[in-house]
Amino acid sequence: MQPDFLDGADYLGTAVTDGYLCNVWEKVDTIWYYEDVHTKRPVRWDFYDGISTHVITFEVGAVLLDDSVTQAPAHCFNQEIKNM
């Protein structure tokens, strides 16, 4: 059953995103909503303008995403600090 805020949305089926099997809905070509099939918790939101928001929870000792998703790229740490 879809969440109330998705009234009028089209169910697109399931897809795996961020390591979760998700139900996927699309509403008025502006938002795509992904929820975990098992827990019904939100996992990801995609918007018409290309913005994608991933819902992250923190669990001690849990490893769900690889470093390429959660770690800033190395070049972010190799810049010299310039005095202004």
Protein backbone atom coordinates (compact mmCIF):
# COMPACT_ATOMS: atom_id res chain seq x y z
CA MET A 1 0.00 0.00 0.00
CA GLN A 2 1.41 3.40 -0.96
CA PRO A 3 1.89 6.23 1.56
CA ASP A 4 -0.95 8.81 1.65
CA PHE A 5 1.22 11.61 0.25
CA LEU A 6 1.53 9.58 -2.95
CA ASP A 7 -2.20 9.62 -3.71
CA GLY A 8 -2.49 9.67 -7.49
CA ALA A 9 1.06 8.37 -8.03
CA ASP A 10 1.88 5.49 -10.36
CA TYR A 11 3.46 2.36 -8.89
CA LEU A 12 6.48 1.44 -11.05
CA GLY A 13 7.36 -1.87 -9.40
CA THR A 14 10.52 -2.71 -7.49
CA ALA A 15 14.15 -1.70 -7.91
CA VAL A 16 17.33 -2.11 -5.90
CA THR A 17 18.84 1.16 -4.71
CA ASP A 18 21.50 1.76 -2.04
CA GLY A 19 21.46 -1.99 -1.39
CA TYR A 20 17.72 -2.16 -0.60
CA LEU A 21 14.92 -3.76 -2.58
CA CYS A 22 12.45 -0.90 -2.92
CA ASN A 23 8.91 -0.20 -4.05
CA VAL A 24 9.05 2.73 -6.48
CA TRP A 25 6.36 5.34 -7.18
CA GLU A 26 6.32 8.26 -9.63
CA LYS A 27 4.07 11.24 -9.14
CA VAL A 28 3.27 13.76 -11.90
CA ASP A 29 6.71 13.39 -13.54
CA THR A 30 8.21 15.40 -10.66
CA ILE A 31 9.15 12.93 -7.92
CA TRP A 32 10.19 9.31 -7.69
CA TYR A 33 9.91 7.78 -4.24
CA TYR A 34 11.74 4.61 -3.15
CA GLU A 35 10.77 2.74 0.03
CA ASP A 36 12.22 -0.43 1.48
CA VAL A 37 9.95 -3.36 0.55
CA HIS A 38 10.33 -4.98 3.97
CA THR A 39 10.33 -2.07 6.45
CA LYS A 40 8.39 0.51 4.37
CA ARG A 41 11.01 3.11 5.36
CA PRO A 42 12.05 5.76 2.81
CA VAL A 43 15.35 5.05 1.07
CA ARG A 44 15.61 7.61 -1.73
CA TRP A 45 13.80 10.52 -3.40
CA ASP A 46 14.54 11.61 -6.98
CA PHE A 47 13.24 14.96 -8.25
CA TYR A 48 12.53 16.23 -11.77
CA ASP A 49 15.44 18.69 -11.61
CA GLY A 50 18.04 15.94 -11.15
CA ILE A 51 18.38 16.22 -7.38
CA SER A 52 18.49 12.86 -5.62
CA THR A 53 18.19 12.56 -1.85
CA HIS A 54 19.27 9.39 -0.10
CA VAL A 55 17.89 8.67 3.37
CA ILE A 56 20.68 7.50 5.64
CA THR A 57 20.38 6.00 9.10
CA PHE A 58 23.31 5.37 11.40
CA GLU A 59 23.70 2.03 13.11
CA VAL A 60 26.78 1.26 15.21
CA GLY A 61 28.90 -1.32 13.39
CA ALA A 62 26.63 -1.47 10.33
CA VAL A 63 28.23 -1.27 6.88
CA LEU A 64 25.66 -0.74 4.11
CA LEU A 65 27.35 1.54 1.57
CA ASP A 66 30.84 1.36 0.13
CA ASP A 67 33.38 4.18 0.57
CA SER A 68 32.75 5.57 -2.93
CA VAL A 69 29.30 6.67 -1.71
CA THR A 70 30.18 7.86 1.79
CA GLN A 71 33.76 9.17 1.54
CA ALA A 72 34.69 12.56 0.14
CA PRO A 73 37.11 12.24 -2.80
CA ALA A 74 40.84 12.46 -2.04
CA HIS A 75 41.25 15.77 -3.89
CA CYS A 76 39.11 17.41 -1.18
CA PHE A 77 41.93 16.78 1.31
CA ASN A 78 44.92 17.74 -0.87
CA GLN A 79 44.28 21.46 -1.33
CA GLU A 80 46.60 24.04 0.18
CA ILE A 81 45.04 26.55 2.52
CA LYS A 82 45.72 30.10 1.34
CA ASN A 83 45.77 33.08 3.66
CA MET A 84 43.37 35.81 2.73
